[in-house]
Amino acid sequence: MKANNFTICVIEDNEWYNRLLVHTLSLNPDFIVKSYFNASAFLKEMDTVSPDLVTLDVRLPDTSGVELFEKIKAHHPAIQVIVISEQGEVQTAVDLMQNGAFDYIVKEKNIKTRLHHSINKIRTNKQLVEKIAVLEKEVRNKYDLSKTIIGNSTPLLNVLKLVEKALENNITVVITGETGTGKEVIAKAIHYNSIRKGNNFVAVNVAAIPSELIESELFGHEKGSFTGANNRRIGKFEEANGGTLFLDEIGELELSLQAKILRALQEKEIVRIGSNTPIKFDTRIIVATHRNLKEEIKSGRFREDLFYRLMGFPIELPPLRSRGQDVLVLAKYFVGEFCKENKISLKSLTEEAKNKLLGYHYPGNIRELKSIMEFAIVIGDSIEIKAEDISFISDELNPDNINVELTMRQYELKILASFLKKYNNDIKTVAEKLELGQATVYRMIKELNTTSRD
C-alpha cells in the first residue's frame, strides 16, 4: 500500500447512487474505496478498515445518519465525514456540520467536482496535521532535558534539578551566567517541556535591537503611529501570548523601557504605540543576563522594582571551567553533530587532545568550545583530532598565562579585543560571532578604550 493512500467508506442505501459515488472516487488511484448499504455493515468493519473519510447518507434503512455520525465521532473523532443527501434534508446536514461534519453536498449526477474539491481540502488538512505532529515530536526530542542539558557534573545536575522545578509552574525564571553558558538553550528546554509547549516560544535579544526600535518590537504599534509605521505591528508580548517570552540580555535595557516592562508585567497588559487600548496577555516570562543585576542596581543602571518583579525563580548556569569532565562530553557531542551535519566521517580525540581541552580556561564557555571543536575537525587531516589541531582564541587567555586577579568582565573585554583584531574591526561580524547585539559590542569597545587609557 502506498504511503499516500486515502481510505474512503461510502455509506449509501440507494444502489445506483452508491455505485456512482464509488465510480467517481475510484478514478483517483490514491483512493481506496469501500461501499456499504447500511450502518450495521459499516460498523462491523469500521475498526478494521480505519477510514480517513466517510461519505454519509442521512437516511439509512437500519438507523439514521445522525445516529451513525455520533457513533463514528465517539469512537474515531479523527475520521472526517461528508454528508451527501437530498435537498430536503439540508437542515439535518447543517446540524451535523455544526457538530463536526466536514461538508454537506446535495445529491446530484454531476457531483464529481464538488466532491473532489472537498476531499482535497480534507487531505491537505490531514497532511498539515501530520506535518505539525512530526515537527512537534522533533521539537520535543530536540529539547528533551536529557538531550539538551549535556553532561553529568555536579554543578550541571544541580541546574537540571532547578529546571525540573521550573516546569511545575509558570513562575518567572531568571537565568544568569557568563556569556556562552547556554542560557537560551535552558530557556527553550523549560518552554518545550512545560504545559505551554504547544504555543509560541519567542526569543528577543534586547541588546541586539536599536534603542529607538525596542519598544515597538516588544509592544507593537498601530499604523501611522510614527514615521515609517506603514502597517499595524504585533509586538513580541502579543506574539508569545499563551506561550513563553524569552528576554535575553535584560540587563542591557535602558531605564525608560525598564519602567514600561515593569508596568506590563504588573498589569499583565500592554499598549501598542499609537493606541490607548490595553491588550491583555498570558505569557510566561523568562529573562537572562550575564550581568550581576544587584551590582547594576547599585550603579543606577537597573531598576530595583523591576529586579524584584523578575526575580521569581533564579537559575545560575555554571561556567564551563567548573564542570570538569563535561568538557570532554560536550566536545564529543559537538564533534558528532558537526560530522553528521557535514556528512564527514566521525572523528575521535587523542589522549593528548583531551588533556589539552581539559587544561583550558574557556572564557567563552560552551560557545567557545563548540567553535574550537568545529575548527579542529576542519583543520585536521586524519580520523583523529590531535592536540595540534586544537587552537584557542588567544594565547594570552591560556590558563598558563592567566592573571587570576582579573575579573570576568576583564576577560570578556580581552575576548572582544581578540575578535576585533581577528575580524579587522568588523563590528557586525564580531557581534554575530560572539552572539551579541551590535549596540552591546559598541558599549564594550567604549569600555575597552576607557580601560586601555587608565
Protein backbone atom coordinates (compact mmCIF):
# COMPACT_ATOMS: atom_id res chain seq x y z
CA MET A 1 0.00 0.00 0.00
CA LYS A 2 1.38 3.41 -0.95
CA ALA A 3 2.04 5.99 1.74
CA ASN A 4 -0.33 8.47 0.10
CA ASN A 5 -3.32 6.09 0.02
CA PHE A 6 -6.52 7.63 1.37
CA THR A 7 -9.31 5.30 2.50
CA ILE A 8 -12.92 6.35 1.87
CA CYS A 9 -16.03 4.50 3.01
CA VAL A 10 -19.24 5.22 1.07
CA ILE A 11 -22.42 4.63 3.12
CA GLU A 12 -25.41 4.96 0.78
CA ASP A 13 -28.54 2.74 0.60
CA ASN A 14 -29.51 3.81 -2.95
CA GLU A 15 -27.75 1.23 -5.12
CA TRP A 16 -27.46 3.45 -8.19
CA TYR A 17 -26.08 6.42 -6.27
CA ASN A 18 -23.78 4.16 -4.24
CA ARG A 19 -22.26 2.88 -7.49
CA LEU A 20 -21.97 6.45 -8.83
CA LEU A 21 -20.02 7.60 -5.78
CA VAL A 22 -17.74 4.56 -5.81
CA HIS A 23 -17.02 5.00 -9.53
CA THR A 24 -16.36 8.75 -9.14
CA LEU A 25 -13.98 8.26 -6.22
CA SER A 26 -12.18 5.26 -7.72
CA LEU A 27 -10.99 7.39 -10.64
CA ASN A 28 -8.30 8.68 -8.27
CA PRO A 29 -5.61 5.95 -7.90
CA ASP A 30 -4.71 7.27 -4.43
CA PHE A 31 -8.17 6.43 -3.09
CA ILE A 32 -9.10 3.08 -1.56
CA VAL A 33 -12.90 2.99 -1.76
CA LYS A 34 -15.23 0.64 0.12
CA SER A 35 -19.02 0.79 -0.09
CA TYR A 36 -21.80 -0.06 2.38
CA PHE A 37 -25.59 -0.03 2.01
CA ASN A 38 -26.40 0.25 5.74
CA ALA A 39 -24.93 1.34 9.05
CA SER A 40 -24.58 -2.14 10.53
CA ALA A 41 -22.31 -3.39 7.77
CA PHE A 42 -20.04 -0.36 8.15
CA LEU A 43 -19.87 -0.55 11.97
CA LYS A 44 -18.73 -4.18 11.80
CA GLU A 45 -15.71 -3.16 9.73
CA MET A 46 -15.06 0.39 10.93
CA ASP A 47 -12.17 -0.52 13.26
CA THR A 48 -10.57 -2.86 10.73
CA VAL A 49 -10.86 -0.56 7.72
CA SER A 50 -9.92 2.60 9.69
CA PRO A 51 -11.11 5.08 7.03
CA ASP A 52 -9.82 8.60 6.60
CA LEU A 53 -13.20 9.75 5.29
CA VAL A 54 -16.83 8.62 5.31
CA THR A 55 -19.47 9.86 2.86
CA LEU A 56 -22.72 9.56 4.75
CA ASP A 57 -26.34 9.47 3.62
CA VAL A 58 -28.70 10.98 6.20
CA ARG A 59 -31.39 8.34 5.58
CA LEU A 60 -30.33 4.71 6.07
CA PRO A 61 -32.52 1.60 6.35
CA ASP A 62 -31.33 0.47 9.81
CA THR A 63 -30.58 3.76 11.58
CA SER A 64 -30.46 7.49 10.95
CA GLY A 65 -27.37 9.13 9.56
CA VAL A 66 -27.32 11.35 12.66
CA GLU A 67 -27.01 8.35 14.98
CA LEU A 68 -24.31 6.78 12.83
CA PHE A 69 -22.42 10.09 12.71
CA GLU A 70 -22.46 10.27 16.52
CA LYS A 71 -21.09 6.71 16.80
CA ILE A 72 -18.30 7.44 14.30
CA LYS A 73 -17.19 10.58 16.10
CA ALA A 74 -17.48 8.97 19.54
CA HIS A 75 -15.10 6.13 18.64
CA HIS A 76 -12.91 7.75 15.96
CA PRO A 77 -13.06 11.57 16.14
CA ALA A 78 -10.27 11.88 13.54
CA ILE A 79 -12.45 10.35 10.78
CA GLN A 80 -13.81 13.11 8.55
CA VAL A 81 -17.44 12.95 7.39
CA ILE A 82 -19.04 14.42 4.27
CA VAL A 83 -22.83 14.35 4.35
CA ILE A 84 -24.39 13.55 0.94
CA SER A 85 -28.18 13.76 0.96
CA GLU A 86 -31.31 15.11 -0.70
CA GLN A 87 -32.14 18.82 -0.91
CA GLY A 88 -34.94 18.43 1.63
CA GLU A 89 -32.52 17.28 4.31
CA VAL A 90 -30.35 20.42 4.32
CA GLN A 91 -31.22 21.38 7.93
CA THR A 92 -30.14 17.98 9.24
CA ALA A 93 -26.92 18.25 7.27
CA VAL A 94 -26.25 21.74 8.64
CA ASP A 95 -26.80 20.45 12.18
CA LEU A 96 -24.26 17.69 11.52
CA MET A 97 -21.74 20.21 10.22
CA GLN A 98 -22.16 22.26 13.41
CA ASN A 99 -21.31 19.08 15.32
CA GLY A 100 -18.18 18.27 13.33
CA ALA A 101 -19.09 17.06 9.82
CA PHE A 102 -16.63 18.49 7.29
CA ASP A 103 -19.04 19.30 4.44
CA TYR A 104 -22.53 18.79 3.02
CA ILE A 105 -23.17 18.01 -0.65
CA VAL A 106 -26.60 17.75 -2.26
CA LYS A 107 -27.19 14.58 -4.26
CA GLU A 108 -26.90 15.23 -7.98
CA LYS A 109 -25.48 13.50 -11.04
CA ASN A 110 -22.64 15.98 -11.53
CA ILE A 111 -21.20 15.62 -8.03
CA LYS A 112 -17.62 14.91 -9.07
CA THR A 113 -16.15 18.46 -8.93
CA ARG A 114 -17.66 19.42 -5.58
CA LEU A 115 -16.80 16.06 -4.02
CA HIS A 116 -13.16 16.06 -5.13
CA HIS A 117 -12.74 19.69 -4.06
CA SER A 118 -13.97 18.86 -0.56
CA ILE A 119 -11.78 15.75 -0.33
CA ASN A 120 -8.70 17.67 -1.46
CA LYS A 121 -9.24 20.12 1.39
CA ILE A 122 -9.52 17.22 3.85
CA ARG A 123 -6.31 15.65 2.55
CA THR A 124 -4.46 18.96 2.73
CA ASN A 125 -5.60 19.46 6.33
CA LYS A 126 -4.60 15.88 7.18
CA GLN A 127 -1.13 16.40 5.73
CA LEU A 128 -0.71 19.64 7.70
CA VAL A 129 -1.79 17.94 10.93
CA GLU A 130 0.65 15.08 10.30
CA LYS A 131 3.45 17.53 9.46
CA ILE A 132 2.78 19.54 12.62
CA ALA A 133 2.78 16.32 14.67
CA VAL A 134 6.17 15.37 13.21
CA LEU A 135 7.57 18.84 13.89
CA GLU A 136 6.24 18.81 17.45
CA LYS A 137 7.86 15.41 18.02
CA GLU A 138 11.16 16.71 16.63
CA VAL A 139 10.96 19.76 18.89
CA ARG A 140 10.18 17.57 21.94
CA ASN A 141 13.12 15.32 21.13
CA LYS A 142 15.39 18.27 20.46
CA TYR A 143 14.57 19.84 23.79
CA ASP A 144 14.34 16.65 25.81
CA LEU A 145 16.14 17.58 29.04
CA SER A 146 18.41 14.52 28.80
CA LYS A 147 19.46 15.59 25.29
CA THR A 148 19.54 19.34 25.82
CA ILE A 149 21.47 19.62 29.07
CA ILE A 150 24.57 17.64 28.22
CA GLY A 151 26.96 16.50 30.93
CA ASN A 152 26.92 14.81 34.32
CA SER A 153 28.96 17.09 36.58
CA THR A 154 27.55 18.07 39.95
CA PRO A 155 27.09 21.78 39.00
CA LEU A 156 25.13 20.77 35.91
CA LEU A 157 22.97 18.23 37.74
CA ASN A 158 22.06 20.97 40.21
CA VAL A 159 20.90 23.11 37.28
CA LEU A 160 18.83 20.21 35.94
CA LYS A 161 17.05 19.90 39.29
CA LEU A 162 16.14 23.59 39.16
CA VAL A 163 14.93 23.32 35.56
CA GLU A 164 12.65 20.41 36.52
CA LYS A 165 11.23 22.51 39.36
CA ALA A 166 10.58 25.38 36.95
CA LEU A 167 8.45 23.06 34.78
CA GLU A 168 5.89 22.62 37.53
CA ASN A 169 4.57 26.20 37.42
CA ASN A 170 4.51 29.46 35.46
CA ILE A 171 6.83 31.44 37.74
CA THR A 172 9.13 33.98 36.06
CA VAL A 173 12.59 32.47 35.55
CA VAL A 174 15.82 34.46 35.61
CA ILE A 175 18.76 32.68 34.02
CA THR A 176 22.16 34.12 34.89
CA GLY A 177 25.65 33.10 33.90
CA GLU A 178 28.61 34.12 31.84
CA THR A 179 28.35 34.68 28.11
CA GLY A 180 28.25 31.38 26.24
CA THR A 181 26.94 29.17 29.04
CA GLY A 182 23.74 28.26 27.16
CA LYS A 183 21.06 30.49 28.63
CA GLU A 184 18.74 30.37 25.61
CA VAL A 185 19.09 26.57 25.41
CA ILE A 186 17.88 26.32 29.01
CA ALA A 187 15.01 28.73 28.31
CA LYS A 188 13.87 26.60 25.36
CA ALA A 189 14.17 23.43 27.41
CA ILE A 190 11.87 24.94 30.05
CA HIS A 191 9.31 26.06 27.48
CA TYR A 192 9.21 22.87 25.39
CA ASN A 193 8.84 20.67 28.46
CA SER A 194 6.14 22.80 30.11
CA ILE A 195 2.37 22.96 29.68
CA ARG A 196 2.93 25.89 27.29
CA LYS A 197 4.91 23.81 24.78
CA GLY A 198 2.09 23.87 22.23
CA ASN A 199 2.30 27.66 21.95
CA ASN A 200 4.98 30.07 20.76
CA PHE A 201 8.45 30.42 22.19
CA VAL A 202 9.51 33.96 21.29
CA ALA A 203 13.12 34.98 21.89
CA VAL A 204 14.28 38.59 21.88
CA ASN A 205 17.87 39.68 22.37
CA VAL A 206 17.14 43.16 23.65
CA ALA A 207 20.79 44.18 23.28
CA ALA A 208 20.67 43.46 19.54
CA ILE A 209 17.81 45.89 18.82
CA PRO A 210 18.43 49.64 18.48
CA SER A 211 17.01 51.56 21.43
CA GLU A 212 14.61 53.56 19.23
CA LEU A 213 13.00 50.34 17.94
CA ILE A 214 12.87 48.15 21.03
CA GLU A 215 9.53 49.49 22.33
CA SER A 216 7.82 48.81 19.01
CA GLU A 217 9.45 45.38 18.86
CA LEU A 218 8.13 44.37 22.28
CA PHE A 219 4.75 46.12 22.43
CA GLY A 220 3.85 46.61 18.76
CA HIS A 221 2.48 49.71 17.07
CA GLU A 222 -0.53 50.98 15.15
CA LYS A 223 -0.42 52.10 11.54
CA GLY A 224 0.69 55.71 11.25
CA SER A 225 1.83 55.96 14.87
CA PHE A 226 5.26 57.22 13.75
CA THR A 227 7.20 57.83 10.55
CA GLY A 228 7.67 54.51 8.79
CA ALA A 229 4.81 52.75 10.61
CA ASN A 230 3.02 51.80 7.40
CA ASN A 231 1.16 48.88 8.94
CA ARG A 232 -0.01 47.68 12.32
CA ARG A 233 2.63 45.52 14.00
CA ILE A 234 2.05 42.86 16.65
CA GLY A 235 4.65 43.04 19.42
CA LYS A 236 6.55 40.16 20.99
CA PHE A 237 4.38 40.15 24.12
CA GLU A 238 1.30 39.51 21.97
CA GLU A 239 3.11 37.05 19.72
CA ALA A 240 4.06 34.98 22.77
CA ASN A 241 0.54 35.01 24.22
CA GLY A 242 -0.18 31.59 25.70
CA GLY A 243 3.48 30.65 25.37
CA THR A 244 6.84 31.94 26.58
CA LEU A 245 8.66 35.23 26.01
CA PHE A 246 12.43 34.99 26.46
CA LEU A 247 14.13 38.36 27.01
CA ASP A 248 17.85 37.81 26.61
CA GLU A 249 20.38 40.32 27.95
CA ILE A 250 17.72 42.05 30.04
CA GLY A 251 20.48 43.97 31.81
CA GLU A 252 21.13 45.97 28.63
CA LEU A 253 17.69 47.65 28.64
CA GLU A 254 17.56 51.41 29.05
CA LEU A 255 15.89 52.64 32.23
CA SER A 256 12.94 54.23 30.39
CA LEU A 257 11.99 50.92 28.81
CA GLN A 258 12.55 49.06 32.08
CA ALA A 259 9.71 51.14 33.55
CA LYS A 260 7.37 50.15 30.71
CA ILE A 261 8.21 46.47 31.02
CA LEU A 262 7.63 46.67 34.77
CA ARG A 263 4.17 48.10 34.19
CA ALA A 264 3.38 45.42 31.57
CA LEU A 265 4.37 42.66 33.98
CA GLN A 266 2.39 44.19 36.86
CA GLU A 267 -0.79 44.76 34.87
CA LYS A 268 -0.46 41.73 32.55
CA GLU A 269 -1.25 44.02 29.66
CA ILE A 270 0.50 46.12 27.03
CA VAL A 271 -0.48 49.09 24.90
CA ARG A 272 0.71 49.34 21.30
CA ILE A 273 2.46 52.56 20.29
CA GLY A 274 -0.18 54.90 18.87
CA SER A 275 -3.05 53.24 20.74
CA ASN A 276 -4.84 53.80 24.04
CA THR A 277 -6.38 50.33 24.17
CA PRO A 278 -4.76 47.94 26.67
CA ILE A 279 -4.24 44.37 25.44
CA LYS A 280 -4.18 41.56 28.00
CA PHE A 281 -1.61 38.80 27.62
CA ASP A 282 -0.98 35.43 29.25
CA THR A 283 2.72 34.90 28.73
CA ARG A 284 5.39 33.19 30.77
CA ILE A 285 8.45 35.40 31.10
CA ILE A 286 12.00 34.04 31.12
CA VAL A 287 14.85 36.54 31.21
CA ALA A 288 18.59 36.11 31.00
CA THR A 289 21.64 38.20 31.65
CA HIS A 290 25.38 37.80 32.04
CA ARG A 291 25.45 40.84 34.31
CA ASN A 292 25.15 40.95 38.10
CA LEU A 293 21.83 42.78 38.39
CA LYS A 294 22.39 43.70 42.03
CA GLU A 295 25.56 45.49 41.02
CA GLU A 296 23.66 47.12 38.16
CA ILE A 297 21.08 48.41 40.68
CA LYS A 298 23.84 49.91 42.84
CA SER A 299 25.29 51.67 39.82
CA GLY A 300 21.87 53.04 38.86
CA ARG A 301 21.64 51.10 35.59
CA PHE A 302 18.81 48.74 36.59
CA ARG A 303 15.55 49.39 38.42
CA GLU A 304 15.26 47.73 41.80
CA ASP A 305 11.47 47.31 41.48
CA LEU A 306 11.86 45.52 38.14
CA PHE A 307 14.57 43.32 39.64
CA TYR A 308 12.20 42.10 42.36
CA ARG A 309 9.37 41.66 39.86
CA LEU A 310 11.59 39.45 37.70
CA MET A 311 13.43 37.57 40.42
CA GLY A 312 10.91 34.76 40.78
CA PHE A 313 12.98 31.65 40.17
CA PRO A 314 16.72 32.19 39.62
CA ILE A 315 18.84 29.64 37.77
CA GLU A 316 22.57 30.32 37.62
CA LEU A 317 24.46 28.44 34.94
CA PRO A 318 27.96 27.30 35.89
CA PRO A 319 30.91 28.31 33.73
CA LEU A 320 32.40 25.50 31.69
CA ARG A 321 35.70 25.63 33.61
CA SER A 322 33.86 24.44 36.75
CA ARG A 323 32.28 21.43 35.06
CA GLY A 324 35.30 19.12 34.89
CA GLN A 325 34.88 16.14 32.57
CA ASP A 326 31.78 17.73 31.00
CA VAL A 327 34.27 19.45 28.68
CA LEU A 328 35.01 16.11 27.02
CA VAL A 329 31.36 15.06 26.98
CA LEU A 330 30.44 18.28 25.19
CA ALA A 331 33.45 18.10 22.88
CA LYS A 332 32.42 14.61 21.76
CA TYR A 333 28.85 15.82 21.24
CA PHE A 334 29.94 18.80 19.11
CA VAL A 335 32.22 16.58 17.03
CA GLY A 336 29.38 14.14 16.39
CA GLU A 337 26.92 16.87 15.44
CA PHE A 338 29.35 18.65 13.11
CA CYS A 339 30.41 15.45 11.37
CA LYS A 340 26.77 14.42 10.93
CA GLU A 341 25.67 17.80 9.56
CA ASN A 342 28.57 17.96 7.12
CA LYS A 343 28.43 14.27 6.14
CA ILE A 344 32.01 13.50 7.07
CA SER A 345 33.46 10.50 8.91
CA LEU A 346 33.19 10.67 12.67
CA LYS A 347 36.42 11.78 14.31
CA SER A 348 37.77 10.87 17.74
CA LEU A 349 40.02 12.71 20.19
CA THR A 350 43.52 11.57 21.05
CA GLU A 351 44.51 11.48 24.73
CA GLU A 352 46.79 14.46 24.17
CA ALA A 353 43.90 16.41 22.66
CA LYS A 354 41.67 15.52 25.61
CA ASN A 355 44.29 16.68 28.09
CA LYS A 356 44.70 19.94 26.19
CA LEU A 357 40.95 20.57 26.27
CA LEU A 358 40.79 19.83 29.99
CA GLY A 359 43.62 22.26 30.69
CA TYR A 360 41.97 25.30 29.13
CA HIS A 361 40.01 28.00 30.97
CA TYR A 362 37.19 28.65 28.39
CA PRO A 363 36.37 32.32 28.97
CA GLY A 364 33.85 31.93 26.12
CA ASN A 365 32.35 28.82 27.77
CA ILE A 366 30.30 26.30 25.75
CA ARG A 367 30.03 28.56 22.74
CA GLU A 368 33.82 28.79 22.58
CA LEU A 369 34.27 25.02 22.96
CA LYS A 370 31.88 24.45 20.06
CA SER A 371 33.90 26.77 17.83
CA ILE A 372 37.16 25.14 18.93
CA MET A 373 35.92 21.64 18.04
CA GLU A 374 34.47 22.64 14.67
CA PHE A 375 37.73 24.34 13.72
CA ALA A 376 39.72 21.30 14.87
CA ILE A 377 37.63 19.00 12.67
CA VAL A 378 38.12 21.19 9.61
CA ILE A 379 41.84 21.80 10.16
CA GLY A 380 42.74 18.18 10.94
CA ASP A 381 43.68 15.77 8.18
CA SER A 382 43.09 12.41 9.88
CA ILE A 383 40.27 10.49 11.57
CA GLU A 384 41.68 11.62 14.92
CA ILE A 385 41.66 15.11 16.38
CA LYS A 386 45.17 15.76 17.68
CA ALA A 387 46.41 18.27 20.22
CA GLU A 388 47.97 20.39 17.49
CA ASP A 389 44.56 20.66 15.75
CA ILE A 390 43.13 22.47 18.76
CA SER A 391 43.62 26.23 18.79
CA PHE A 392 42.29 28.55 21.44
CA ILE A 393 41.00 32.08 20.91
CA SER A 394 44.14 33.76 22.16
CA ASP A 395 47.34 32.52 23.73
CA GLU A 396 47.06 35.25 26.35
CA LEU A 397 43.87 33.59 27.61
CA ASN A 398 45.57 30.23 28.09
CA PRO A 399 45.39 29.17 31.77
CA ASP A 400 49.18 29.14 31.93
CA ASN A 401 49.15 32.89 31.29
CA ILE A 402 46.02 33.88 33.23
CA ASN A 403 46.30 36.57 35.84
CA VAL A 404 43.93 35.18 38.47
CA GLU A 405 43.18 38.70 39.74
CA LEU A 406 41.40 39.69 36.52
CA THR A 407 37.61 39.91 36.73
CA MET A 408 35.34 38.02 34.31
CA ARG A 409 34.42 41.36 32.75
CA GLN A 410 38.10 41.96 32.00
CA TYR A 411 38.32 38.53 30.38
CA GLU A 412 35.22 39.34 28.31
CA LEU A 413 36.88 42.52 27.11
CA LYS A 414 40.02 40.54 26.23
CA ILE A 415 37.90 38.16 24.14
CA LEU A 416 36.29 41.13 22.39
CA ALA A 417 39.67 42.66 21.65
CA SER A 418 40.84 39.32 20.21
CA PHE A 419 37.78 39.06 17.93
CA LEU A 420 38.08 42.69 16.80
CA LYS A 421 41.68 42.03 15.78
CA LYS A 422 40.77 38.74 14.11
CA TYR A 423 37.94 40.27 12.02
CA ASN A 424 39.55 43.64 11.26
CA ASN A 425 37.18 45.62 13.48
CA ASP A 426 34.12 44.45 11.53
CA ILE A 427 31.51 45.15 14.23
CA LYS A 428 28.71 43.22 12.52
CA THR A 429 30.82 40.08 12.11
CA VAL A 430 32.19 40.29 15.66
CA ALA A 431 28.65 40.69 17.04
CA GLU A 432 27.45 37.64 15.08
CA LYS A 433 30.43 35.51 16.14
CA LEU A 434 30.03 36.39 19.81
CA GLU A 435 26.19 36.25 19.56
CA LEU A 436 25.91 39.77 20.95
CA GLY A 437 23.97 42.79 19.80
CA GLN A 438 25.93 45.41 17.87
CA ALA A 439 24.91 48.00 20.46
CA THR A 440 26.47 45.81 23.17
CA VAL A 441 29.69 45.49 21.16
CA TYR A 442 29.91 49.27 20.77
CA ARG A 443 29.41 49.74 24.53
CA MET A 444 32.09 47.15 25.27
CA ILE A 445 34.51 48.85 22.82
CA LYS A 446 33.92 52.12 24.64
CA GLU A 447 34.61 50.35 27.94
CA LEU A 448 37.68 48.68 26.40
CA ASN A 449 39.05 52.03 25.22
CA THR A 450 38.46 53.58 28.63
CA THR A 451 40.26 50.68 30.31
CA SER A 452 43.18 50.97 27.89
CA ARG A 453 43.67 54.65 28.77
CA ASP A 454 43.61 54.01 32.53
